[in-house]
Amino acid sequence: MTYYMENYDNRRYVILIIYDIVDNKRRLNMVRCLEKYGIRVQKSAFEVYISKKKYERLEIEAAGIIDKATDSLRIYFLYNRTAVRTWGIGCCKEEDVIIL
């Protein structure tokens, strides 16, 4: 359970899930996982309206699909117009620097 969900047992959350998965099989498994919880809004993005209990299941299931060395999974909690909390798994790619 994540620290910012501890005191909100009866609430439902709006979250945005974005992933970048290299392997086709893992990517298909992630799509199937996320389709159980939310609506696909782009090729690698889902919007989800979810309870705390279901979120905990989703987090465990998604973490089991991701290869932390090559893939990325980001979950954005959309509390209101000004507050956004994030949770993520996987590598962060550094930008290439090109000097001309």
N, C-alpha and C. Protein backbone atom coordinates (compact mmCIF):
# COMPACT_ATOMS: atom_id res chain seq x y z
N MET A 1 0.85 -1.17 0.00
CA MET A 1 0.00 0.00 0.00
C MET A 1 0.90 1.24 0.00
N THR A 2 0.59 2.18 -0.82
CA THR A 2 1.39 3.38 -0.91
C THR A 2 1.01 4.37 0.18
N TYR A 3 1.96 5.21 0.57
CA TYR A 3 1.79 6.06 1.74
C TYR A 3 0.64 7.05 1.62
N TYR A 4 0.32 7.52 0.43
CA TYR A 4 -0.72 8.53 0.29
C TYR A 4 -2.11 7.94 0.16
N MET A 5 -2.26 6.62 0.25
CA MET A 5 -3.57 6.00 0.18
C MET A 5 -4.01 5.42 1.52
N GLU A 6 -3.16 5.49 2.53
CA GLU A 6 -3.43 4.84 3.81
C GLU A 6 -4.71 5.30 4.49
N ASN A 7 -5.03 6.58 4.42
CA ASN A 7 -6.17 7.12 5.16
C ASN A 7 -7.43 7.29 4.33
N TYR A 8 -7.48 6.70 3.17
CA TYR A 8 -8.60 6.94 2.26
C TYR A 8 -9.26 5.63 1.85
N ASP A 9 -9.65 4.82 2.79
CA ASP A 9 -10.15 3.48 2.53
C ASP A 9 -11.39 3.43 1.64
N ASN A 10 -12.29 4.39 1.75
CA ASN A 10 -13.55 4.33 1.02
C ASN A 10 -13.54 5.10 -0.30
N ARG A 11 -12.45 5.73 -0.61
CA ARG A 11 -12.39 6.56 -1.81
C ARG A 11 -12.07 5.73 -3.05
N ARG A 12 -12.41 6.33 -4.17
CA ARG A 12 -12.00 5.78 -5.46
C ARG A 12 -11.09 6.83 -6.09
N TYR A 13 -10.14 6.37 -6.87
CA TYR A 13 -9.12 7.24 -7.42
C TYR A 13 -9.18 7.25 -8.93
N VAL A 14 -8.86 8.40 -9.49
CA VAL A 14 -8.68 8.50 -10.93
C VAL A 14 -7.18 8.45 -11.16
N ILE A 15 -6.74 7.48 -11.94
CA ILE A 15 -5.32 7.36 -12.22
C ILE A 15 -5.09 7.24 -13.72
N LEU A 16 -3.92 7.68 -14.14
CA LEU A 16 -3.48 7.55 -15.51
C LEU A 16 -2.26 6.64 -15.50
N ILE A 17 -2.29 5.59 -16.30
CA ILE A 17 -1.20 4.63 -16.35
C ILE A 17 -0.57 4.70 -17.74
N ILE A 18 0.75 4.89 -17.76
CA ILE A 18 1.49 4.98 -19.02
C ILE A 18 2.64 3.99 -18.94
N TYR A 19 2.86 3.25 -20.02
CA TYR A 19 3.93 2.27 -20.02
C TYR A 19 4.72 2.32 -21.32
N ASP A 20 5.97 1.85 -21.24
CA ASP A 20 6.84 1.67 -22.39
C ASP A 20 7.50 0.32 -22.19
N ILE A 21 7.04 -0.68 -22.93
CA ILE A 21 7.49 -2.05 -22.75
C ILE A 21 8.12 -2.54 -24.05
N VAL A 22 9.34 -3.04 -23.97
CA VAL A 22 10.11 -3.43 -25.15
C VAL A 22 9.59 -4.72 -25.77
N ASP A 23 9.32 -5.72 -24.98
CA ASP A 23 8.95 -7.05 -25.46
C ASP A 23 7.46 -7.12 -25.81
N ASN A 24 7.15 -7.66 -26.99
CA ASN A 24 5.75 -7.75 -27.44
C ASN A 24 4.88 -8.58 -26.51
N LYS A 25 5.40 -9.71 -26.02
CA LYS A 25 4.62 -10.59 -25.15
C LYS A 25 4.29 -9.90 -23.83
N ARG A 26 5.29 -9.26 -23.23
CA ARG A 26 5.05 -8.53 -21.97
C ARG A 26 4.09 -7.36 -22.20
N ARG A 27 4.25 -6.68 -23.34
CA ARG A 27 3.36 -5.56 -23.65
C ARG A 27 1.91 -6.04 -23.77
N LEU A 28 1.69 -7.17 -24.46
CA LEU A 28 0.34 -7.72 -24.58
C LEU A 28 -0.21 -8.13 -23.21
N ASN A 29 0.65 -8.71 -22.37
CA ASN A 29 0.22 -9.08 -21.01
C ASN A 29 -0.18 -7.84 -20.21
N MET A 30 0.56 -6.74 -20.39
CA MET A 30 0.23 -5.50 -19.68
C MET A 30 -1.10 -4.95 -20.17
N VAL A 31 -1.34 -4.97 -21.48
CA VAL A 31 -2.61 -4.49 -22.03
C VAL A 31 -3.76 -5.30 -21.44
N ARG A 32 -3.62 -6.61 -21.42
CA ARG A 32 -4.68 -7.48 -20.87
C ARG A 32 -4.91 -7.19 -19.39
N CYS A 33 -3.84 -6.96 -18.66
CA CYS A 33 -3.94 -6.62 -17.24
C CYS A 33 -4.71 -5.32 -17.06
N LEU A 34 -4.30 -4.28 -17.77
CA LEU A 34 -4.89 -2.96 -17.58
C LEU A 34 -6.32 -2.87 -18.10
N GLU A 35 -6.65 -3.66 -19.11
CA GLU A 35 -8.03 -3.66 -19.63
C GLU A 35 -9.03 -4.16 -18.59
N LYS A 36 -8.56 -4.92 -17.61
CA LYS A 36 -9.44 -5.38 -16.53
C LYS A 36 -9.82 -4.25 -15.58
N TYR A 37 -9.03 -3.18 -15.58
CA TYR A 37 -9.22 -2.11 -14.61
C TYR A 37 -9.69 -0.79 -15.21
N GLY A 38 -9.36 -0.54 -16.47
CA GLY A 38 -9.66 0.77 -17.02
C GLY A 38 -9.87 0.79 -18.52
N ILE A 39 -9.80 1.99 -19.07
CA ILE A 39 -10.08 2.23 -20.48
C ILE A 39 -8.79 2.67 -21.16
N ARG A 40 -8.50 2.03 -22.28
CA ARG A 40 -7.32 2.40 -23.06
C ARG A 40 -7.63 3.70 -23.80
N VAL A 41 -6.78 4.73 -23.59
CA VAL A 41 -7.00 6.02 -24.22
C VAL A 41 -5.96 6.33 -25.30
N GLN A 42 -4.85 5.63 -25.28
CA GLN A 42 -3.83 5.68 -26.32
C GLN A 42 -3.16 4.33 -26.34
N LYS A 43 -2.23 4.12 -27.29
CA LYS A 43 -1.60 2.81 -27.40
C LYS A 43 -0.94 2.36 -26.10
N SER A 44 -0.35 3.27 -25.37
CA SER A 44 0.33 2.88 -24.14
C SER A 44 -0.15 3.69 -22.93
N ALA A 45 -1.44 4.04 -22.93
CA ALA A 45 -1.99 4.82 -21.82
C ALA A 45 -3.41 4.36 -21.49
N PHE A 46 -3.67 4.24 -20.18
CA PHE A 46 -4.99 3.84 -19.68
C PHE A 46 -5.46 4.83 -18.63
N GLU A 47 -6.76 5.13 -18.64
CA GLU A 47 -7.40 5.88 -17.58
C GLU A 47 -8.18 4.88 -16.73
N VAL A 48 -8.03 5.01 -15.41
CA VAL A 48 -8.63 4.04 -14.49
C VAL A 48 -9.32 4.78 -13.35
N TYR A 49 -10.53 4.35 -13.01
CA TYR A 49 -11.26 4.82 -11.83
C TYR A 49 -11.32 3.62 -10.90
N ILE A 50 -10.64 3.68 -9.75
CA ILE A 50 -10.34 2.46 -9.01
C ILE A 50 -10.39 2.68 -7.50
N SER A 51 -10.75 1.61 -6.77
CA SER A 51 -10.71 1.62 -5.31
C SER A 51 -9.29 1.28 -4.85
N LYS A 52 -9.04 1.53 -3.57
CA LYS A 52 -7.72 1.24 -3.00
C LYS A 52 -7.38 -0.24 -3.12
N LYS A 53 -8.34 -1.10 -2.80
CA LYS A 53 -8.10 -2.55 -2.83
C LYS A 53 -7.75 -3.03 -4.24
N LYS A 54 -8.52 -2.56 -5.22
CA LYS A 54 -8.23 -2.95 -6.61
C LYS A 54 -6.91 -2.37 -7.08
N TYR A 55 -6.60 -1.14 -6.65
CA TYR A 55 -5.32 -0.54 -7.02
C TYR A 55 -4.16 -1.39 -6.52
N GLU A 56 -4.25 -1.86 -5.29
CA GLU A 56 -3.19 -2.69 -4.73
C GLU A 56 -2.98 -3.95 -5.56
N ARG A 57 -4.08 -4.56 -6.01
CA ARG A 57 -4.00 -5.74 -6.89
C ARG A 57 -3.35 -5.38 -8.22
N LEU A 58 -3.79 -4.27 -8.79
CA LEU A 58 -3.24 -3.82 -10.07
C LEU A 58 -1.73 -3.59 -9.97
N GLU A 59 -1.30 -2.93 -8.91
CA GLU A 59 0.12 -2.63 -8.72
C GLU A 59 0.95 -3.90 -8.66
N ILE A 60 0.49 -4.90 -7.92
CA ILE A 60 1.20 -6.17 -7.81
C ILE A 60 1.24 -6.89 -9.15
N GLU A 61 0.09 -6.93 -9.82
CA GLU A 61 0.00 -7.62 -11.11
C GLU A 61 0.90 -6.95 -12.16
N ALA A 62 0.84 -5.63 -12.24
CA ALA A 62 1.64 -4.90 -13.23
C ALA A 62 3.13 -5.02 -12.93
N ALA A 63 3.51 -4.97 -11.66
CA ALA A 63 4.92 -5.11 -11.29
C ALA A 63 5.47 -6.47 -11.69
N GLY A 64 4.63 -7.49 -11.71
CA GLY A 64 5.05 -8.82 -12.13
C GLY A 64 5.27 -8.96 -13.62
N ILE A 65 4.76 -8.03 -14.39
CA ILE A 65 4.91 -8.07 -15.85
C ILE A 65 6.14 -7.30 -16.31
N ILE A 66 6.44 -6.21 -15.65
CA ILE A 66 7.50 -5.29 -16.06
C ILE A 66 8.89 -5.90 -15.87
N ASP A 67 9.77 -5.68 -16.84
CA ASP A 67 11.20 -5.97 -16.70
C ASP A 67 11.84 -4.64 -16.30
N LYS A 68 12.28 -4.52 -15.07
CA LYS A 68 12.77 -3.25 -14.54
C LYS A 68 14.01 -2.75 -15.28
N ALA A 69 14.73 -3.64 -15.94
CA ALA A 69 15.95 -3.23 -16.65
C ALA A 69 15.65 -2.55 -17.99
N THR A 70 14.52 -2.90 -18.62
CA THR A 70 14.26 -2.38 -19.97
C THR A 70 12.93 -1.65 -20.12
N ASP A 71 11.99 -1.86 -19.23
CA ASP A 71 10.64 -1.32 -19.38
C ASP A 71 10.40 -0.17 -18.41
N SER A 72 9.30 0.52 -18.63
CA SER A 72 8.90 1.61 -17.75
C SER A 72 7.39 1.57 -17.56
N LEU A 73 6.96 1.81 -16.33
CA LEU A 73 5.53 1.90 -16.00
C LEU A 73 5.36 3.09 -15.07
N ARG A 74 4.48 4.02 -15.43
CA ARG A 74 4.22 5.20 -14.61
C ARG A 74 2.74 5.26 -14.29
N ILE A 75 2.42 5.53 -13.03
CA ILE A 75 1.04 5.67 -12.59
C ILE A 75 0.89 7.05 -11.97
N TYR A 76 -0.02 7.85 -12.52
CA TYR A 76 -0.27 9.20 -12.05
C TYR A 76 -1.62 9.25 -11.35
N PHE A 77 -1.63 9.67 -10.09
CA PHE A 77 -2.86 9.84 -9.33
C PHE A 77 -3.37 11.26 -9.56
N LEU A 78 -4.57 11.40 -10.08
CA LEU A 78 -5.14 12.70 -10.40
C LEU A 78 -6.17 13.05 -9.33
N TYR A 79 -5.72 13.70 -8.25
CA TYR A 79 -6.58 14.02 -7.12
C TYR A 79 -7.52 15.18 -7.40
N ASN A 80 -6.99 16.23 -7.96
CA ASN A 80 -7.79 17.40 -8.32
C ASN A 80 -7.03 18.18 -9.38
N ARG A 81 -7.43 19.37 -9.63
CA ARG A 81 -6.80 20.13 -10.71
C ARG A 81 -5.36 20.53 -10.43
N THR A 82 -4.96 20.54 -9.18
CA THR A 82 -3.61 21.01 -8.86
C THR A 82 -2.69 19.94 -8.31
N ALA A 83 -3.22 18.86 -7.78
CA ALA A 83 -2.37 17.86 -7.13
C ALA A 83 -2.26 16.60 -7.99
N VAL A 84 -1.03 16.20 -8.25
CA VAL A 84 -0.77 14.95 -8.97
C VAL A 84 0.32 14.21 -8.22
N ARG A 85 0.07 12.96 -7.89
CA ARG A 85 1.07 12.10 -7.26
C ARG A 85 1.45 11.03 -8.27
N THR A 86 2.71 10.59 -8.23
CA THR A 86 3.14 9.59 -9.18
C THR A 86 3.80 8.41 -8.49
N TRP A 87 3.78 7.30 -9.17
CA TRP A 87 4.45 6.08 -8.73
C TRP A 87 5.01 5.46 -9.99
N GLY A 88 6.20 4.90 -9.97
CA GLY A 88 6.75 4.35 -11.20
C GLY A 88 7.66 3.16 -10.97
N ILE A 89 7.77 2.36 -12.02
CA ILE A 89 8.67 1.21 -12.05
C ILE A 89 9.45 1.30 -13.35
N GLY A 90 10.69 0.90 -13.31
CA GLY A 90 11.43 0.76 -14.55
C GLY A 90 12.48 1.83 -14.74
N CYS A 91 13.12 1.72 -15.87
CA CYS A 91 14.25 2.59 -16.15
C CYS A 91 13.79 3.95 -16.65
N CYS A 92 14.58 4.93 -16.36
CA CYS A 92 14.36 6.27 -16.90
C CYS A 92 15.46 6.50 -17.92
N LYS A 93 15.08 6.83 -19.11
CA LYS A 93 16.06 7.02 -20.17
C LYS A 93 16.58 8.45 -20.13
N GLU A 94 17.89 8.56 -20.23
CA GLU A 94 18.48 9.88 -20.28
C GLU A 94 18.42 10.39 -21.70
N GLU A 95 18.31 11.69 -21.82
CA GLU A 95 18.26 12.29 -23.15
C GLU A 95 19.65 12.30 -23.76
N ASP A 96 19.70 12.09 -25.07
CA ASP A 96 20.96 12.19 -25.79
C ASP A 96 21.34 13.65 -25.92
N VAL A 97 22.61 13.93 -25.76
CA VAL A 97 23.12 15.28 -25.94
C VAL A 97 23.89 15.31 -27.25
N ILE A 98 23.50 16.21 -28.13
CA ILE A 98 24.16 16.34 -29.42
C ILE A 98 24.81 17.71 -29.48
N ILE A 99 26.11 17.71 -29.70
CA ILE A 99 26.85 18.97 -29.80
C ILE A 99 27.28 19.13 -31.25
N LEU A 100 26.90 20.25 -31.83
CA LEU A 100 27.25 20.52 -33.23
C LEU A 100 28.41 21.46 -33.32
